[in-house]
Every structure is written in C-alpha cells, then in structure tokens.
Amino acid sequence: MSRVCEITGKKAIVGNNVSHSNIKTKRKFNPNLHTKKFYVPELDEWIYLKVSAHGMRNINKKGIYQCLIEASEKGIL
C-alpha cells in the first residue's frame, strides 16, 4: 500500500535521526494520510480517497470535484 496523497501527491521523504552524540541514521518522514469517504455531487457518487491533512484543506477550499480535476491533470490520480 503506497503512502501517497491522492490529491496533492505528497509522499514519504528520507532524512536522518540525529542522536545526542550526533550519530545519524536513516529514517522516513511519512505524510499525515487518512482514508476518507467523500461525496461528489457532480458525479452523484461516494468515493474513497487517501488524502493528507493538506489535501483536506484544499478540498475544503476548492471543493472535491475541482481537486479531482486538478489531480488528474497533474497525473496524481
């Protein structure tokens, strides 16, 4: 199961854990993803999306249908 937001395209990035003695080990920074059910009135259906918190803010601002169009144009969805 991939950890990628279906609206914004956010995905895990790699960084370092840095200890008190300054030893660095690799780690992952995963996006804040949630599986949510959205109603799309233009399509008259419910859809499930894996979206980040930032993606939910975009949906609240622009609307689900507009976000789906933009994501498909970018090739994310």
PDB file of N, CA and C in Angstrom:
ATOM      1  N   MET A   1       0.845  -1.170   0.000  1.00  0.00           N
ATOM      2  CA  MET A   1       0.000   0.000   0.000  1.00  0.00           C
ATOM      3  C   MET A   1       0.892   1.235   0.000  1.00  0.00           C
ATOM      4  N   SER A   2       0.775   2.072  -1.003  1.00  0.00           N
ATOM      5  CA  SER A   2       1.657   3.228  -1.101  1.00  0.00           C
ATOM      6  C   SER A   2       1.175   4.350  -0.186  1.00  0.00           C
ATOM      7  N   ARG A   3       2.111   5.078   0.341  1.00  0.00           N
ATOM      8  CA  ARG A   3       1.803   6.199   1.223  1.00  0.00           C
ATOM      9  C   ARG A   3       1.919   7.489   0.438  1.00  0.00           C
ATOM     10  N   VAL A   4       0.954   7.718  -0.454  1.00  0.00           N
ATOM     11  CA  VAL A   4       0.944   8.895  -1.315  1.00  0.00           C
ATOM     12  C   VAL A   4      -0.444   9.521  -1.248  1.00  0.00           C
ATOM     13  N   CYS A   5      -0.489  10.833  -1.071  1.00  0.00           N
ATOM     14  CA  CYS A   5      -1.756  11.552  -1.073  1.00  0.00           C
ATOM     15  C   CYS A   5      -2.298  11.585  -2.496  1.00  0.00           C
ATOM     16  N   GLU A   6      -3.582  11.252  -2.664  1.00  0.00           N
ATOM     17  CA  GLU A   6      -4.182  11.186  -3.986  1.00  0.00           C
ATOM     18  C   GLU A   6      -4.621  12.558  -4.496  1.00  0.00           C
ATOM     19  N   ILE A   7      -4.533  13.590  -3.680  1.00  0.00           N
ATOM     20  CA  ILE A   7      -4.892  14.949  -4.098  1.00  0.00           C
ATOM     21  C   ILE A   7      -3.643  15.791  -4.347  1.00  0.00           C
ATOM     22  N   THR A   8      -2.724  15.803  -3.395  1.00  0.00           N
ATOM     23  CA  THR A   8      -1.553  16.669  -3.515  1.00  0.00           C
ATOM     24  C   THR A   8      -0.321  15.951  -4.054  1.00  0.00           C
ATOM     25  N   GLY A   9      -0.285  14.624  -3.970  1.00  0.00           N
ATOM     26  CA  GLY A   9       0.877  13.877  -4.421  1.00  0.00           C
ATOM     27  C   GLY A   9       1.990  13.807  -3.395  1.00  0.00           C
ATOM     28  N   LYS A  10       1.718  14.249  -2.153  1.00  0.00           N
ATOM     29  CA  LYS A  10       2.736  14.171  -1.102  1.00  0.00           C
ATOM     30  C   LYS A  10       3.084  12.713  -0.840  1.00  0.00           C
ATOM     31  N   LYS A  11       4.375  12.447  -0.606  1.00  0.00           N
ATOM     32  CA  LYS A  11       4.818  11.087  -0.322  1.00  0.00           C
ATOM     33  C   LYS A  11       5.924  11.124   0.719  1.00  0.00           C
ATOM     34  N   ALA A  12       6.373   9.949   1.137  1.00  0.00           N
ATOM     35  CA  ALA A  12       7.395   9.857   2.167  1.00  0.00           C
ATOM     36  C   ALA A  12       8.712  10.414   1.648  1.00  0.00           C
ATOM     37  N   ILE A  13       9.436  11.109   2.529  1.00  0.00           N
ATOM     38  CA  ILE A  13      10.764  11.604   2.197  1.00  0.00           C
ATOM     39  C   ILE A  13      11.757  11.019   3.195  1.00  0.00           C
ATOM     40  N   VAL A  14      13.031  11.036   2.845  1.00  0.00           N
ATOM     41  CA  VAL A  14      14.066  10.419   3.664  1.00  0.00           C
ATOM     42  C   VAL A  14      14.865  11.500   4.366  1.00  0.00           C
ATOM     43  N   GLY A  15      15.193  11.216   5.622  1.00  0.00           N
ATOM     44  CA  GLY A  15      16.013  12.134   6.399  1.00  0.00           C
ATOM     45  C   GLY A  15      16.850  11.354   7.384  1.00  0.00           C
ATOM     46  N   ASN A  16      17.320  12.023   8.403  1.00  0.00           N
ATOM     47  CA  ASN A  16      18.177  11.400   9.405  1.00  0.00           C
ATOM     48  C   ASN A  16      17.589  11.543  10.798  1.00  0.00           C
ATOM     49  N   ASN A  17      17.718  10.468  11.608  1.00  0.00           N
ATOM     50  CA  ASN A  17      17.592  10.579  13.054  1.00  0.00           C
ATOM     51  C   ASN A  17      18.952  11.038  13.550  1.00  0.00           C
ATOM     52  N   VAL A  18      18.977  12.056  14.369  1.00  0.00           N
ATOM     53  CA  VAL A  18      20.239  12.547  14.909  1.00  0.00           C
ATOM     54  C   VAL A  18      20.215  12.359  16.423  1.00  0.00           C
ATOM     55  N   SER A  19      21.129  11.537  16.924  1.00  0.00           N
ATOM     56  CA  SER A  19      21.186  11.255  18.354  1.00  0.00           C
ATOM     57  C   SER A  19      21.880  12.391  19.092  1.00  0.00           C
ATOM     58  N   HIS A  20      21.873  12.263  20.406  1.00  0.00           N
ATOM     59  CA  HIS A  20      22.535  13.271  21.242  1.00  0.00           C
ATOM     60  C   HIS A  20      24.034  13.325  20.942  1.00  0.00           C
ATOM     61  N   SER A  21      24.610  12.174  20.586  1.00  0.00           N
ATOM     62  CA  SER A  21      26.041  12.142  20.256  1.00  0.00           C
ATOM     63  C   SER A  21      26.293  12.439  18.774  1.00  0.00           C
ATOM     64  N   ASN A  22      25.286  12.911  18.091  1.00  0.00           N
ATOM     65  CA  ASN A  22      25.353  13.351  16.696  1.00  0.00           C
ATOM     66  C   ASN A  22      25.585  12.193  15.709  1.00  0.00           C
ATOM     67  N   ILE A  23      25.163  10.983  16.085  1.00  0.00           N
ATOM     68  CA  ILE A  23      25.195   9.849  15.159  1.00  0.00           C
ATOM     69  C   ILE A  23      23.925   9.909  14.321  1.00  0.00           C
ATOM     70  N   LYS A  24      24.092   9.777  13.006  1.00  0.00           N
ATOM     71  CA  LYS A  24      22.951   9.905  12.098  1.00  0.00           C
ATOM     72  C   LYS A  24      22.572   8.543  11.528  1.00  0.00           C
ATOM     73  N   THR A  25      21.293   8.219  11.596  1.00  0.00           N
ATOM     74  CA  THR A  25      20.758   7.000  10.989  1.00  0.00           C
ATOM     75  C   THR A  25      19.572   7.398  10.127  1.00  0.00           C
ATOM     76  N   LYS A  26      19.354   6.662   9.045  1.00  0.00           N
ATOM     77  CA  LYS A  26      18.283   6.994   8.097  1.00  0.00           C
ATOM     78  C   LYS A  26      16.912   6.743   8.710  1.00  0.00           C
ATOM     79  N   ARG A  27      15.953   7.564   8.326  1.00  0.00           N
ATOM     80  CA  ARG A  27      14.566   7.406   8.727  1.00  0.00           C
ATOM     81  C   ARG A  27      13.666   7.960   7.638  1.00  0.00           C
ATOM     82  N   LYS A  28      12.370   7.703   7.747  1.00  0.00           N
ATOM     83  CA  LYS A  28      11.386   8.203   6.791  1.00  0.00           C
ATOM     84  C   LYS A  28      10.467   9.206   7.469  1.00  0.00           C
ATOM     85  N   PHE A  29      10.099  10.222   6.740  1.00  0.00           N
ATOM     86  CA  PHE A  29       9.072  11.164   7.163  1.00  0.00           C
ATOM     87  C   PHE A  29       7.843  10.883   6.307  1.00  0.00           C
ATOM     88  N   ASN A  30       6.812  10.258   6.898  1.00  0.00           N
ATOM     89  CA  ASN A  30       5.601   9.925   6.160  1.00  0.00           C
ATOM     90  C   ASN A  30       4.602  11.080   6.233  1.00  0.00           C
ATOM     91  N   PRO A  31       3.806  11.281   5.173  1.00  0.00           N
ATOM     92  CA  PRO A  31       2.780  12.321   5.219  1.00  0.00           C
ATOM     93  C   PRO A  31       1.642  11.916   6.157  1.00  0.00           C
ATOM     94  N   ASN A  32       0.899  12.882   6.599  1.00  0.00           N
ATOM     95  CA  ASN A  32      -0.216  12.666   7.522  1.00  0.00           C
ATOM     96  C   ASN A  32      -1.439  12.227   6.710  1.00  0.00           C
ATOM     97  N   LEU A  33      -1.527  10.932   6.383  1.00  0.00           N
ATOM     98  CA  LEU A  33      -2.567  10.419   5.498  1.00  0.00           C
ATOM     99  C   LEU A  33      -3.756   9.852   6.259  1.00  0.00           C
ATOM    100  N   HIS A  34      -4.950  10.052   5.677  1.00  0.00           N
ATOM    101  CA  HIS A  34      -6.196   9.494   6.203  1.00  0.00           C
ATOM    102  C   HIS A  34      -7.009   8.968   5.038  1.00  0.00           C
ATOM    103  N   THR A  35      -7.672   7.853   5.248  1.00  0.00           N
ATOM    104  CA  THR A  35      -8.604   7.350   4.240  1.00  0.00           C
ATOM    105  C   THR A  35      -9.962   7.956   4.551  1.00  0.00           C
ATOM    106  N   LYS A  36     -10.480   8.729   3.613  1.00  0.00           N
ATOM    107  CA  LYS A  36     -11.734   9.456   3.829  1.00  0.00           C
ATOM    108  C   LYS A  36     -12.717   9.135   2.716  1.00  0.00           C
ATOM    109  N   LYS A  37     -13.983   9.207   3.066  1.00  0.00           N
ATOM    110  CA  LYS A  37     -15.066   8.992   2.114  1.00  0.00           C
ATOM    111  C   LYS A  37     -15.648  10.366   1.774  1.00  0.00           C
ATOM    112  N   PHE A  38     -15.698  10.696   0.485  1.00  0.00           N
ATOM    113  CA  PHE A  38     -16.194  11.994   0.024  1.00  0.00           C
ATOM    114  C   PHE A  38     -17.370  11.789  -0.909  1.00  0.00           C
ATOM    115  N   TYR A  39     -18.348  12.679  -0.822  1.00  0.00           N
ATOM    116  CA  TYR A  39     -19.474  12.675  -1.756  1.00  0.00           C
ATOM    117  C   TYR A  39     -19.199  13.700  -2.842  1.00  0.00           C
ATOM    118  N   VAL A  40     -19.306  13.262  -4.097  1.00  0.00           N
ATOM    119  CA  VAL A  40     -19.095  14.151  -5.242  1.00  0.00           C
ATOM    120  C   VAL A  40     -20.465  14.405  -5.871  1.00  0.00           C
ATOM    121  N   PRO A  41     -21.082  15.583  -5.631  1.00  0.00           N
ATOM    122  CA  PRO A  41     -22.432  15.832  -6.146  1.00  0.00           C
ATOM    123  C   PRO A  41     -22.495  15.878  -7.671  1.00  0.00           C
ATOM    124  N   GLU A  42     -21.389  16.307  -8.322  1.00  0.00           N
ATOM    125  CA  GLU A  42     -21.401  16.373  -9.792  1.00  0.00           C
ATOM    126  C   GLU A  42     -21.489  14.982 -10.409  1.00  0.00           C
ATOM    127  N   LEU A  43     -20.901  13.989  -9.747  1.00  0.00           N
ATOM    128  CA  LEU A  43     -20.937  12.614 -10.232  1.00  0.00           C
ATOM    129  C   LEU A  43     -22.020  11.796  -9.534  1.00  0.00           C
ATOM    130  N   ASP A  44     -22.621  12.344  -8.479  1.00  0.00           N
ATOM    131  CA  ASP A  44     -23.657  11.697  -7.672  1.00  0.00           C
ATOM    132  C   ASP A  44     -23.180  10.342  -7.145  1.00  0.00           C
ATOM    133  N   GLU A  45     -21.970  10.327  -6.581  1.00  0.00           N
ATOM    134  CA  GLU A  45     -21.448   9.088  -6.006  1.00  0.00           C
ATOM    135  C   GLU A  45     -20.476   9.384  -4.875  1.00  0.00           C
ATOM    136  N   TRP A  46     -20.243   8.383  -4.030  1.00  0.00           N
ATOM    137  CA  TRP A  46     -19.284   8.452  -2.949  1.00  0.00           C
ATOM    138  C   TRP A  46     -17.978   7.840  -3.422  1.00  0.00           C
ATOM    139  N   ILE A  47     -16.839   8.461  -3.045  1.00  0.00           N
ATOM    140  CA  ILE A  47     -15.535   7.905  -3.387  1.00  0.00           C
ATOM    141  C   ILE A  47     -14.663   7.877  -2.132  1.00  0.00           C
ATOM    142  N   TYR A  48     -13.750   6.922  -2.083  1.00  0.00           N
ATOM    143  CA  TYR A  48     -12.765   6.830  -1.018  1.00  0.00           C
ATOM    144  C   TYR A  48     -11.436   7.346  -1.549  1.00  0.00           C
ATOM    145  N   LEU A  49     -10.821   8.244  -0.788  1.00  0.00           N
ATOM    146  CA  LEU A  49      -9.521   8.788  -1.164  1.00  0.00           C
ATOM    147  C   LEU A  49      -8.582   8.703   0.035  1.00  0.00           C
ATOM    148  N   LYS A  50      -7.316   8.480  -0.245  1.00  0.00           N
ATOM    149  CA  LYS A  50      -6.275   8.556   0.774  1.00  0.00           C
ATOM    150  C   LYS A  50      -5.669   9.945   0.656  1.00  0.00           C
ATOM    151  N   VAL A  51      -6.020  10.834   1.592  1.00  0.00           N
ATOM    152  CA  VAL A  51      -5.603  12.234   1.490  1.00  0.00           C
ATOM    153  C   VAL A  51      -4.818  12.659   2.721  1.00  0.00           C
ATOM    154  N   SER A  52      -3.914  13.602   2.513  1.00  0.00           N
ATOM    155  CA  SER A  52      -3.158  14.198   3.612  1.00  0.00           C
ATOM    156  C   SER A  52      -3.995  15.310   4.240  1.00  0.00           C
ATOM    157  N   ALA A  53      -3.534  15.803   5.373  1.00  0.00           N
ATOM    158  CA  ALA A  53      -4.224  16.908   6.048  1.00  0.00           C
ATOM    159  C   ALA A  53      -4.230  18.142   5.146  1.00  0.00           C
ATOM    160  N   HIS A  54      -3.136  18.367   4.432  1.00  0.00           N
ATOM    161  CA  HIS A  54      -3.068  19.495   3.494  1.00  0.00           C
ATOM    162  C   HIS A  54      -4.055  19.296   2.342  1.00  0.00           C
ATOM    163  N   GLY A  55      -4.212  18.058   1.895  1.00  0.00           N
ATOM    164  CA  GLY A  55      -5.180  17.759   0.836  1.00  0.00           C
ATOM    165  C   GLY A  55      -6.606  18.025   1.277  1.00  0.00           C
ATOM    166  N   MET A  56      -6.920  17.729   2.532  1.00  0.00           N
ATOM    167  CA  MET A  56      -8.265  18.000   3.051  1.00  0.00           C
ATOM    168  C   MET A  56      -8.536  19.498   3.113  1.00  0.00           C
ATOM    169  N   ARG A  57      -7.503  20.265   3.435  1.00  0.00           N
ATOM    170  CA  ARG A  57      -7.667  21.725   3.430  1.00  0.00           C
ATOM    171  C   ARG A  57      -7.957  22.238   2.017  1.00  0.00           C
ATOM    172  N   ASN A  58      -7.274  21.658   1.015  1.00  0.00           N
ATOM    173  CA  ASN A  58      -7.537  22.040  -0.377  1.00  0.00           C
ATOM    174  C   ASN A  58      -8.956  21.690  -0.776  1.00  0.00           C
ATOM    175  N   ILE A  59      -9.433  20.520  -0.340  1.00  0.00           N
ATOM    176  CA  ILE A  59     -10.798  20.101  -0.669  1.00  0.00           C
ATOM    177  C   ILE A  59     -11.815  21.037  -0.022  1.00  0.00           C
ATOM    178  N   ASN A  60     -11.564  21.449   1.218  1.00  0.00           N
ATOM    179  CA  ASN A  60     -12.467  22.388   1.885  1.00  0.00           C
ATOM    180  C   ASN A  60     -12.485  23.739   1.181  1.00  0.00           C
ATOM    181  N   LYS A  61     -11.348  24.135   0.635  1.00  0.00           N
ATOM    182  CA  LYS A  61     -11.248  25.443  -0.007  1.00  0.00           C
ATOM    183  C   LYS A  61     -11.838  25.442  -1.418  1.00  0.00           C
ATOM    184  N   LYS A  62     -11.436  24.467  -2.251  1.00  0.00           N
ATOM    185  CA  LYS A  62     -11.807  24.466  -3.669  1.00  0.00           C
ATOM    186  C   LYS A  62     -13.010  23.600  -4.000  1.00  0.00           C
ATOM    187  N   GLY A  63     -13.261  22.593  -3.185  1.00  0.00           N
ATOM    188  CA  GLY A  63     -14.312  21.627  -3.481  1.00  0.00           C
ATOM    189  C   GLY A  63     -13.700  20.346  -4.025  1.00  0.00           C
ATOM    190  N   ILE A  64     -14.381  19.227  -3.757  1.00  0.00           N
ATOM    191  CA  ILE A  64     -13.839  17.924  -4.113  1.00  0.00           C
ATOM    192  C   ILE A  64     -13.724  17.742  -5.622  1.00  0.00           C
ATOM    193  N   TYR A  65     -14.705  18.215  -6.377  1.00  0.00           N
ATOM    194  CA  TYR A  65     -14.692  17.987  -7.825  1.00  0.00           C
ATOM    195  C   TYR A  65     -13.527  18.720  -8.483  1.00  0.00           C
ATOM    196  N   GLN A  66     -13.300  19.972  -8.081  1.00  0.00           N
ATOM    197  CA  GLN A  66     -12.189  20.753  -8.644  1.00  0.00           C
ATOM    198  C   GLN A  66     -10.850  20.123  -8.287  1.00  0.00           C
ATOM    199  N   CYS A  67     -10.715  19.625  -7.064  1.00  0.00           N
ATOM    200  CA  CYS A  67      -9.464  18.969  -6.648  1.00  0.00           C
ATOM    201  C   CYS A  67      -9.233  17.690  -7.430  1.00  0.00           C
ATOM    202  N   LEU A  68     -10.279  16.942  -7.726  1.00  0.00           N
ATOM    203  CA  LEU A  68     -10.144  15.722  -8.518  1.00  0.00           C
ATOM    204  C   LEU A  68      -9.695  16.040  -9.937  1.00  0.00           C
ATOM    205  N   ILE A  69     -10.233  17.102 -10.506  1.00  0.00           N
ATOM    206  CA  ILE A  69      -9.837  17.528 -11.861  1.00  0.00           C
ATOM    207  C   ILE A  69      -8.362  17.915 -11.883  1.00  0.00           C
ATOM    208  N   GLU A  70      -7.931  18.725 -10.899  1.00  0.00           N
ATOM    209  CA  GLU A  70      -6.533  19.176 -10.841  1.00  0.00           C
ATOM    210  C   GLU A  70      -5.585  17.998 -10.619  1.00  0.00           C
ATOM    211  N   ALA A  71      -5.978  17.045  -9.787  1.00  0.00           N
ATOM    212  CA  ALA A  71      -5.122  15.876  -9.520  1.00  0.00           C
ATOM    213  C   ALA A  71      -4.981  15.008 -10.757  1.00  0.00           C
ATOM    214  N   SER A  72      -6.065  14.868 -11.529  1.00  0.00           N
ATOM    215  CA  SER A  72      -5.979  14.066 -12.752  1.00  0.00           C
ATOM    216  C   SER A  72      -5.167  14.776 -13.824  1.00  0.00           C
ATOM    217  N   GLU A  73      -5.209  16.105 -13.869  1.00  0.00           N
ATOM    218  CA  GLU A  73      -4.382  16.855 -14.823  1.00  0.00           C
ATOM    219  C   GLU A  73      -2.903  16.726 -14.489  1.00  0.00           C
ATOM    220  N   LYS A  74      -2.568  16.691 -13.197  1.00  0.00           N
ATOM    221  CA  LYS A  74      -1.175  16.523 -12.778  1.00  0.00           C
ATOM    222  C   LYS A  74      -0.703  15.095 -12.902  1.00  0.00           C
ATOM    223  N   GLY A  75      -1.629  14.170 -13.072  1.00  0.00           N
ATOM    224  CA  GLY A  75      -1.265  12.746 -13.185  1.00  0.00           C
ATOM    225  C   GLY A  75      -1.129  12.059 -11.859  1.00  0.00           C
ATOM    226  N   ILE A  76      -1.627  12.653 -10.805  1.00  0.00           N
ATOM    227  CA  ILE A  76      -1.544  12.060  -9.465  1.00  0.00           C
ATOM    228  C   ILE A  76      -2.620  11.008  -9.283  1.00  0.00           C
ATOM    229  N   LEU A  77      -3.822  11.323  -9.716  1.00  0.00           N
ATOM    230  CA  LEU A  77      -4.983  10.440  -9.506  1.00  0.00           C
ATOM    231  C   LEU A  77      -5.231   9.564 -10.704  1.00  0.00           C
TER     232      LEU A  77
END
